[in-house]
Amino acid sequence: MNTVLELDTIHTYYDKSHILKGVSLRVEEGELVALLGRNGAGKTTTMHSIMGLTPPRQGKIKFFGQDMTGASPYRIAALGVGYVPEGRKIFGHLTVHENLLVVHETVGRWTIDAVYKLFPRLHERRASKGGRLSGGEQEMLAIARALLLNPKLLILDEPSQGLAPVIVQEVMQSVGRMKDEGISVLLVEQNAYLALQLVCCPANNWH
């Protein structure tokens, strides 16, 4: 099994504030890894370090065996890394379909038609402005946008945050299907129960 992502004893700061102190983790090919923790524990800072938004001052970050410590976000994305940030960050003034067209599609399984099939609700609302979508629909759109890169590794930061339970189930089932299709997933969650269900159960048995 190949290692997709490896953090080796990283230390990350915001100015003089030492936030991450020797964090290490690994994600193997086809594996779903859940990073759990309360608010303020450093989960999002870890994601920002991985994606080059807040590079660590010490330690190493490797993607697919290549040292990418301090690399810019676009270089990391170009390796085949999809990132769904906390807060979704969709374009509220664009329609659902326009949000998807913004992404430069890569060759692979995931096309606009494929993500509409995964998220039928987005197809129904494809002409609606992103800012008019519910929180769950925005999360689906953010995931769909990341999938259009046909990533080898998908990183999701708090996908269940602020969502109704029935929508959380729908979103988590979609994440489980990505794992079942061979995409490596790093899931950041506060909700340990949800995350552990997803890690332990196949998508078709998730509830």
Protein backbone atom coordinates (compact mmCIF):
# COMPACT_ATOMS: atom_id res chain seq x y z
CA MET A 1 0.00 0.00 0.00
CA ASN A 2 1.36 3.43 -0.97
CA THR A 3 1.42 6.41 1.34
CA VAL A 4 -0.62 9.28 -0.08
CA LEU A 5 0.01 11.85 2.65
CA GLU A 6 2.54 11.96 5.45
CA LEU A 7 3.03 14.61 8.12
CA ASP A 8 6.27 14.17 10.04
CA THR A 9 6.46 16.10 13.32
CA ILE A 10 5.22 19.44 11.97
CA HIS A 11 5.23 22.65 14.02
CA THR A 12 3.05 25.52 12.82
CA TYR A 13 2.80 29.04 14.19
CA TYR A 14 0.55 32.07 13.78
CA ASP A 15 3.10 34.83 14.33
CA LYS A 16 4.54 33.91 17.75
CA SER A 17 1.71 31.57 18.75
CA HIS A 18 2.85 27.96 18.57
CA ILE A 19 -0.32 26.12 17.45
CA LEU A 20 0.80 22.70 16.20
CA LYS A 21 3.48 20.97 18.23
CA GLY A 22 4.94 17.91 16.58
CA VAL A 23 1.89 16.65 14.67
CA SER A 24 2.37 13.44 12.65
CA LEU A 25 -0.12 11.42 10.60
CA ARG A 26 -0.32 9.19 7.54
CA VAL A 27 -3.01 8.48 4.95
CA GLU A 28 -2.53 5.37 2.84
CA GLU A 29 -3.89 4.76 -0.65
CA GLY A 30 -7.65 4.06 -0.56
CA GLU A 31 -7.84 4.78 3.16
CA LEU A 32 -10.20 7.07 5.08
CA VAL A 33 -8.54 8.71 8.09
CA ALA A 34 -10.54 10.79 10.58
CA LEU A 35 -8.89 13.61 12.51
CA LEU A 36 -11.00 14.31 15.59
CA GLY A 37 -10.92 17.11 18.12
CA ARG A 38 -12.82 19.89 19.84
CA ASN A 39 -12.95 23.51 18.70
CA GLY A 40 -9.57 25.16 19.05
CA ALA A 41 -7.63 21.88 19.03
CA GLY A 42 -5.76 22.81 15.84
CA LYS A 43 -7.63 20.71 13.27
CA THR A 44 -8.12 23.52 10.74
CA THR A 45 -4.56 24.73 11.28
CA THR A 46 -3.43 21.21 10.41
CA MET A 47 -5.45 21.39 7.18
CA HIS A 48 -4.00 24.81 6.36
CA SER A 49 -0.50 23.45 6.94
CA ILE A 50 -1.16 20.49 4.65
CA MET A 51 -2.54 22.69 1.87
CA GLY A 52 0.27 25.25 2.03
CA LEU A 53 -1.95 28.05 3.39
CA THR A 54 -0.01 28.23 6.67
CA PRO A 55 3.22 26.31 6.07
CA PRO A 56 4.90 24.68 9.07
CA ARG A 57 8.15 26.10 10.36
CA GLN A 58 9.49 22.67 11.26
CA GLY A 59 8.84 19.13 10.09
CA LYS A 60 7.96 17.71 6.69
CA ILE A 61 4.82 17.19 4.62
CA LYS A 62 4.94 14.63 1.82
CA PHE A 63 2.38 13.87 -0.87
CA PHE A 64 2.83 10.58 -2.74
CA GLY A 65 6.37 10.35 -1.36
CA GLN A 66 7.34 13.84 -2.58
CA ASP A 67 8.43 16.47 -0.06
CA MET A 68 6.04 19.41 -0.56
CA THR A 69 6.69 21.27 2.69
CA GLY A 70 6.01 24.96 2.09
CA ALA A 71 4.70 24.43 -1.45
CA SER A 72 1.97 26.76 -2.70
CA PRO A 73 -1.67 25.56 -2.65
CA TYR A 74 -1.94 25.39 -6.44
CA ARG A 75 1.10 23.10 -6.68
CA ILE A 76 -0.39 20.81 -4.04
CA ALA A 77 -3.77 20.76 -5.82
CA ALA A 78 -2.00 19.92 -9.09
CA LEU A 79 -0.69 16.70 -7.52
CA GLY A 80 -4.28 15.44 -7.24
CA VAL A 81 -5.41 16.86 -3.91
CA GLY A 82 -8.97 18.12 -3.51
CA TYR A 83 -9.74 20.38 -0.54
CA VAL A 84 -13.17 21.22 0.89
CA PRO A 85 -12.52 23.96 3.45
CA GLU A 86 -14.46 24.73 6.58
CA GLY A 87 -17.21 27.18 5.62
CA ARG A 88 -17.44 25.77 2.04
CA LYS A 89 -16.18 28.94 0.27
CA ILE A 90 -18.48 28.69 -2.72
CA PHE A 91 -19.24 31.67 -5.00
CA GLY A 92 -22.55 33.01 -3.72
CA HIS A 93 -23.18 35.24 -6.76
CA LEU A 94 -22.78 32.36 -9.22
CA THR A 95 -25.31 29.62 -9.93
CA VAL A 96 -24.67 26.04 -8.92
CA HIS A 97 -23.73 25.18 -12.50
CA GLU A 98 -21.46 28.22 -12.82
CA ASN A 99 -19.70 27.22 -9.58
CA LEU A 100 -18.92 23.87 -11.19
CA LEU A 101 -17.81 25.43 -14.47
CA VAL A 102 -15.22 27.51 -12.59
CA VAL A 103 -13.26 24.32 -11.93
CA HIS A 104 -10.87 23.14 -14.61
CA GLU A 105 -12.08 19.57 -15.05
CA THR A 106 -9.47 16.85 -15.30
CA VAL A 107 -9.81 13.57 -17.15
CA GLY A 108 -11.39 10.87 -15.01
CA ARG A 109 -14.51 9.43 -13.47
CA TRP A 110 -15.80 12.70 -12.02
CA THR A 111 -17.51 15.02 -14.49
CA ILE A 112 -20.29 17.56 -13.98
CA ASP A 113 -22.82 14.90 -15.00
CA ALA A 114 -21.29 12.46 -12.49
CA VAL A 115 -21.46 14.89 -9.57
CA TYR A 116 -25.05 15.75 -10.47
CA LYS A 117 -25.79 12.03 -10.26
CA LEU A 118 -24.06 11.82 -6.88
CA PHE A 119 -25.96 14.89 -5.64
CA PRO A 120 -29.37 14.99 -7.42
CA ARG A 121 -30.32 17.97 -5.27
CA LEU A 122 -27.63 20.04 -7.01
CA HIS A 123 -29.02 19.10 -10.40
CA GLU A 124 -32.46 20.25 -9.28
CA ARG A 125 -30.99 23.57 -8.14
CA ARG A 126 -28.38 24.04 -10.87
CA ALA A 127 -29.82 27.45 -11.86
CA SER A 128 -29.98 28.74 -8.25
CA LYS A 129 -27.40 31.17 -6.91
CA GLY A 130 -24.91 29.64 -4.51
CA GLY A 131 -25.83 32.18 -1.84
CA ARG A 132 -29.44 30.96 -1.88
CA LEU A 133 -28.57 27.34 -1.14
CA SER A 134 -29.03 25.73 2.25
CA GLY A 135 -25.95 24.83 4.27
CA GLY A 136 -26.25 21.20 3.20
CA GLU A 137 -26.56 22.12 -0.46
CA GLN A 138 -23.53 24.38 -0.18
CA GLU A 139 -21.53 21.52 1.35
CA MET A 140 -22.58 19.23 -1.50
CA LEU A 141 -21.54 21.89 -4.00
CA ALA A 142 -18.15 22.33 -2.32
CA ILE A 143 -17.54 18.56 -2.42
CA ALA A 144 -18.75 18.34 -6.04
CA ARG A 145 -16.36 21.13 -7.02
CA ALA A 146 -13.42 19.30 -5.42
CA LEU A 147 -14.37 16.03 -7.13
CA LEU A 148 -14.16 17.64 -10.56
CA LEU A 149 -10.38 17.68 -10.06
CA ASN A 150 -10.59 13.85 -9.95
CA PRO A 151 -8.44 13.88 -6.82
CA LYS A 152 -6.37 11.00 -5.52
CA LEU A 153 -6.73 12.51 -2.05
CA LEU A 154 -9.77 14.41 -0.78
CA ILE A 155 -9.50 16.54 2.36
CA LEU A 156 -12.72 17.63 4.08
CA ASP A 157 -12.74 20.11 6.95
CA GLU A 158 -15.85 19.78 9.19
CA PRO A 159 -18.34 18.73 6.47
CA SER A 160 -21.15 18.19 9.00
CA GLN A 161 -20.84 21.59 10.66
CA GLY A 162 -24.18 23.37 11.02
CA LEU A 163 -26.16 20.79 9.01
CA ALA A 164 -29.45 19.12 9.87
CA PRO A 165 -29.07 15.42 10.79
CA VAL A 166 -30.82 14.16 7.63
CA ILE A 167 -28.47 16.24 5.46
CA VAL A 168 -25.43 15.10 7.44
CA GLN A 169 -26.38 11.52 6.62
CA GLU A 170 -26.62 12.31 2.91
CA VAL A 171 -23.26 14.11 2.87
CA MET A 172 -21.52 11.38 4.86
CA GLN A 173 -22.90 8.67 2.60
CA SER A 174 -21.39 10.46 -0.38
CA VAL A 175 -18.02 10.61 1.38
CA GLY A 176 -18.25 6.90 2.11
CA ARG A 177 -18.90 6.18 -1.56
CA MET A 178 -15.75 8.10 -2.50
CA LYS A 179 -13.74 5.91 -0.15
CA ASP A 180 -15.36 2.80 -1.63
CA GLU A 181 -14.31 3.98 -5.11
CA GLY A 182 -10.68 4.18 -4.04
CA ILE A 183 -10.22 7.86 -3.23
CA SER A 184 -8.08 8.44 -0.16
CA VAL A 185 -9.92 10.68 2.31
CA LEU A 186 -8.76 12.79 5.24
CA LEU A 187 -11.84 13.79 7.23
CA VAL A 188 -11.71 16.44 9.94
CA GLU A 189 -14.63 16.26 12.35
CA GLN A 190 -15.77 17.26 15.81
CA ASN A 191 -18.49 14.62 15.76
CA ALA A 192 -16.62 11.47 16.74
CA TYR A 193 -19.70 9.23 16.41
CA LEU A 194 -20.28 10.23 12.79
CA ALA A 195 -16.62 10.01 11.84
CA LEU A 196 -16.10 6.59 13.40
CA GLN A 197 -19.20 5.21 11.71
CA LEU A 198 -17.85 6.38 8.40
CA VAL A 199 -14.38 4.96 9.02
CA CYS A 200 -15.69 1.58 10.17
CA CYS A 201 -18.71 0.98 7.91
CA PRO A 202 -19.09 0.68 4.11
CA ALA A 203 -21.14 3.48 2.54
CA ASN A 204 -24.10 1.22 1.80
CA ASN A 205 -24.38 0.28 5.49
CA TRP A 206 -23.95 3.81 6.86
CA HIS A 207 -26.87 5.24 8.82
